[in-house]
Amino acid sequence: MRSTRTEGRDRSVELRDAIDRTGYYPDVVTEGVESAVAGEEIVSFYVHHEPTFDRDEVRRHLSVVVLTPSRLILAHTDEHEGDDLLPEPYTSTSTEAIRLTSVRSVVVTRMVANPTAGPRPPAEAVMTIGWGGVSRVDLEPAGCSDPQCDADHGYTGVLASDDFSLRVSAAADGTGAVDGLLAFAESLSARTHAR
């Protein structure tokens, strides 16, 4: 929910504060993020704490997105029940570092309620980042305008790159969360545009 951006000033202390405020295994999360950042300056970041429901239990998930001068860092931390390999409850943190030169698209969707009432802050926002790591193909049968035609026209479809997507809403996460996501997306867009 927290984001910050300022050019020319390292934001690592503010990132740690934002992670601490979530109360979600801050030392574990910070260690994973710092390892992936590898000492680079933090230009901008976004921290999103999201509970998920697993049958009758609530599980928590934390996403941390960090922008450095040369890379986009994604970190995800989840909590798990014990299992055969690790009998005690545990966390898993996955990080991915993407060169900014690899980022192909930054898609931002803003949802504004009652737009005829004049300028309003977005009620929700979605940021989708694509760099070609994951592609999705949506296919459907092709056709023609002749309703009597029974020929096979093959398939038509769309190939979309949506490696990472994050949605926040003012109702669930607070107005600051929406503003923060939009600020992060703007900073990332500016960095990928400038390359």
Protein backbone atom coordinates (compact mmCIF):
# COMPACT_ATOMS: atom_id res chain seq x y z
CA MET A 1 0.00 0.00 0.00
CA ARG A 2 2.92 2.34 0.42
CA SER A 3 4.89 3.79 -2.44
CA THR A 4 7.44 6.45 -2.76
CA ARG A 5 9.54 7.88 -5.51
CA THR A 6 12.20 10.55 -5.60
CA GLU A 7 14.94 10.68 -8.18
CA GLY A 8 18.53 10.75 -6.96
CA ARG A 9 17.79 9.63 -3.40
CA ASP A 10 17.94 6.08 -2.10
CA ARG A 11 14.63 5.01 -0.52
CA SER A 12 15.84 1.84 1.25
CA VAL A 13 15.10 3.16 4.77
CA GLU A 14 11.56 4.13 3.73
CA LEU A 15 11.07 0.73 2.10
CA ARG A 16 12.11 -1.00 5.32
CA ASP A 17 9.65 1.20 7.27
CA ALA A 18 6.84 0.27 4.86
CA ILE A 19 7.64 -3.43 5.22
CA ASP A 20 7.76 -3.08 9.03
CA ARG A 21 4.33 -1.40 9.07
CA THR A 22 2.73 -4.46 7.46
CA GLY A 23 3.78 -6.57 10.45
CA TYR A 24 4.16 -9.53 8.10
CA TYR A 25 7.47 -11.23 8.87
CA PRO A 26 9.40 -7.98 8.24
CA ASP A 27 12.87 -9.45 8.78
CA VAL A 28 12.21 -12.35 6.39
CA VAL A 29 10.71 -10.07 3.72
CA THR A 30 13.46 -7.46 4.04
CA GLU A 31 16.21 -10.07 3.76
CA GLY A 32 14.74 -11.40 0.52
CA VAL A 33 14.23 -7.93 -0.97
CA GLU A 34 17.70 -6.67 0.03
CA SER A 35 19.31 -9.76 -1.45
CA ALA A 36 17.58 -9.17 -4.80
CA VAL A 37 18.27 -5.42 -4.81
CA ALA A 38 21.98 -6.25 -4.25
CA GLY A 39 22.99 -2.80 -3.03
CA GLU A 40 21.47 -0.77 -5.87
CA GLU A 41 19.76 2.52 -5.14
CA ILE A 42 16.01 2.20 -4.59
CA VAL A 43 14.28 4.77 -6.80
CA SER A 44 10.67 3.76 -6.08
CA PHE A 45 8.77 0.96 -4.38
CA TYR A 46 5.34 -0.39 -3.63
CA VAL A 47 4.36 -2.74 -0.78
CA HIS A 48 1.05 -4.61 -0.90
CA HIS A 49 -0.15 -6.85 1.92
CA GLU A 50 -3.01 -9.10 0.85
CA PRO A 51 -4.84 -11.79 2.80
CA THR A 52 -6.09 -14.79 0.86
CA PHE A 53 -8.64 -17.38 1.89
CA ASP A 54 -7.76 -21.08 1.87
CA ARG A 55 -10.89 -23.03 2.81
CA ASP A 56 -11.58 -21.94 6.39
CA GLU A 57 -8.18 -20.32 6.98
CA VAL A 58 -6.79 -16.91 6.16
CA ARG A 59 -3.34 -16.88 4.61
CA ARG A 60 -1.34 -13.76 4.04
CA HIS A 61 0.64 -12.71 0.99
CA LEU A 62 3.00 -9.76 0.65
CA SER A 63 4.19 -8.33 -2.66
CA VAL A 64 7.05 -5.86 -2.77
CA VAL A 65 7.85 -4.16 -6.07
CA VAL A 66 11.09 -2.18 -6.25
CA LEU A 67 12.50 0.02 -8.99
CA THR A 68 16.26 0.56 -9.15
CA PRO A 69 18.11 2.55 -11.81
CA SER A 70 18.60 -0.60 -13.89
CA ARG A 71 16.11 -3.24 -12.69
CA LEU A 72 12.59 -4.05 -11.58
CA ILE A 73 12.56 -6.32 -8.52
CA LEU A 74 9.50 -8.39 -7.58
CA ALA A 75 9.34 -10.15 -4.23
CA HIS A 76 6.48 -12.34 -3.01
CA THR A 77 6.24 -13.82 0.48
CA ASP A 78 3.63 -16.39 1.46
CA GLU A 79 3.02 -18.33 4.64
CA HIS A 80 2.39 -22.08 4.65
CA GLU A 81 1.30 -24.81 7.03
CA GLY A 82 3.84 -27.45 7.88
CA ASP A 83 4.14 -30.35 5.46
CA ASP A 84 6.12 -33.55 5.00
CA LEU A 85 9.39 -31.75 4.27
CA LEU A 86 9.00 -28.87 6.74
CA PRO A 87 6.75 -29.97 9.60
CA GLU A 88 6.55 -26.51 11.20
CA PRO A 89 4.73 -23.54 9.59
CA TYR A 90 7.05 -21.65 7.23
CA THR A 91 7.28 -18.78 4.78
CA SER A 92 8.48 -18.81 1.20
CA THR A 93 9.92 -15.71 -0.45
CA SER A 94 10.43 -15.64 -4.22
CA THR A 95 12.25 -12.79 -5.91
CA GLU A 96 12.70 -11.93 -9.55
CA ALA A 97 14.98 -9.26 -10.99
CA ILE A 98 14.14 -7.94 -14.46
CA ARG A 99 16.37 -5.58 -16.45
CA LEU A 100 14.47 -2.41 -17.29
CA THR A 101 15.53 -2.86 -20.90
CA SER A 102 13.46 -6.07 -20.90
CA VAL A 103 10.22 -4.43 -19.74
CA ARG A 104 7.93 -4.32 -22.78
CA SER A 105 4.80 -2.80 -21.32
CA VAL A 106 3.37 -1.08 -18.27
CA VAL A 107 -0.41 -1.10 -18.45
CA VAL A 108 -2.32 1.02 -15.94
CA THR A 109 -6.10 0.88 -15.55
CA ARG A 110 -7.88 3.44 -13.39
CA MET A 111 -11.49 2.92 -12.29
CA VAL A 112 -13.28 6.18 -11.43
CA ALA A 113 -16.75 5.99 -9.87
CA ASN A 114 -19.46 8.40 -11.03
CA PRO A 115 -17.28 10.22 -13.61
CA THR A 116 -20.02 12.70 -14.51
CA ALA A 117 -19.72 14.27 -11.03
CA GLY A 118 -16.42 15.88 -11.97
CA PRO A 119 -12.81 15.03 -11.18
CA ARG A 120 -12.51 12.28 -8.58
CA PRO A 121 -9.66 10.10 -7.39
CA PRO A 122 -9.66 6.58 -8.82
CA ALA A 123 -11.55 4.05 -6.70
CA GLU A 124 -9.38 1.21 -8.00
CA ALA A 125 -6.23 0.77 -10.04
CA VAL A 126 -4.57 -2.15 -11.80
CA MET A 127 -0.94 -2.21 -12.90
CA THR A 128 0.15 -4.95 -15.30
CA ILE A 129 3.80 -5.28 -16.29
CA GLY A 130 4.99 -7.40 -19.18
CA TRP A 131 8.56 -8.39 -20.02
CA GLY A 132 8.01 -11.58 -21.97
CA GLY A 133 8.58 -14.09 -19.18
CA VAL A 134 4.96 -15.29 -19.35
CA SER A 135 2.71 -15.04 -22.35
CA ARG A 136 -0.96 -15.90 -22.57
CA VAL A 137 -2.73 -17.01 -25.74
CA ASP A 138 -6.50 -16.52 -26.05
CA LEU A 139 -7.87 -18.42 -29.06
CA GLU A 140 -11.36 -18.70 -30.47
CA PRO A 141 -12.77 -20.15 -33.68
CA ALA A 142 -12.61 -17.69 -36.56
CA GLY A 143 -15.68 -17.08 -38.65
CA CYS A 144 -17.05 -14.97 -41.45
CA SER A 145 -20.07 -12.72 -41.86
CA ASP A 146 -22.04 -15.28 -43.90
CA PRO A 147 -24.53 -16.98 -41.52
CA GLN A 148 -24.91 -19.92 -43.95
CA CYS A 149 -21.17 -20.62 -44.16
CA ASP A 150 -20.03 -23.86 -42.60
CA ALA A 151 -16.38 -23.69 -43.69
CA ASP A 152 -13.55 -24.04 -41.20
CA HIS A 153 -11.94 -20.60 -40.90
CA GLY A 154 -9.29 -21.70 -38.42
CA TYR A 155 -8.70 -19.77 -35.25
CA THR A 156 -8.11 -16.19 -34.28
CA GLY A 157 -6.59 -14.97 -31.08
CA VAL A 158 -4.48 -12.65 -29.03
CA LEU A 159 -1.02 -13.19 -27.59
CA ALA A 160 -0.64 -11.09 -24.43
CA SER A 161 2.28 -10.58 -22.09
CA ASP A 162 1.16 -10.14 -18.50
CA ASP A 163 3.96 -11.30 -16.28
CA PHE A 164 2.83 -9.40 -13.19
CA SER A 165 -0.46 -7.77 -12.28
CA LEU A 166 -1.50 -5.98 -9.11
CA ARG A 167 -4.94 -4.58 -8.31
CA VAL A 168 -5.75 -2.30 -5.38
CA SER A 169 -8.94 -0.56 -4.32
CA ALA A 170 -9.63 2.40 -2.09
CA ALA A 171 -12.40 0.45 -0.34
CA ALA A 172 -10.18 -2.49 0.62
CA ASP A 173 -6.71 -0.95 0.78
CA GLY A 174 -7.30 2.78 1.31
CA THR A 175 -6.99 5.80 -0.98
CA GLY A 176 -3.26 5.98 -0.29
CA ALA A 177 -2.79 2.49 -1.73
CA VAL A 178 -4.36 3.48 -5.05
CA ASP A 179 -2.31 6.69 -5.18
CA GLY A 180 0.84 4.76 -4.31
CA LEU A 181 0.33 2.18 -7.04
CA LEU A 182 -0.29 4.91 -9.61
CA ALA A 183 2.86 6.76 -8.47
CA PHE A 184 4.93 3.59 -8.77
CA ALA A 185 3.51 2.84 -12.23
CA GLU A 186 4.31 6.39 -13.35
CA SER A 187 7.88 6.07 -12.13
CA LEU A 188 8.32 2.69 -13.85
CA SER A 189 6.78 4.00 -17.08
CA ALA A 190 9.17 6.96 -17.06
CA ARG A 191 12.19 4.68 -16.56
CA THR A 192 11.21 2.25 -19.30
CA HIS A 193 10.43 5.12 -21.67
CA ALA A 194 13.84 6.72 -21.14
CA ARG A 195 15.89 3.68 -22.11
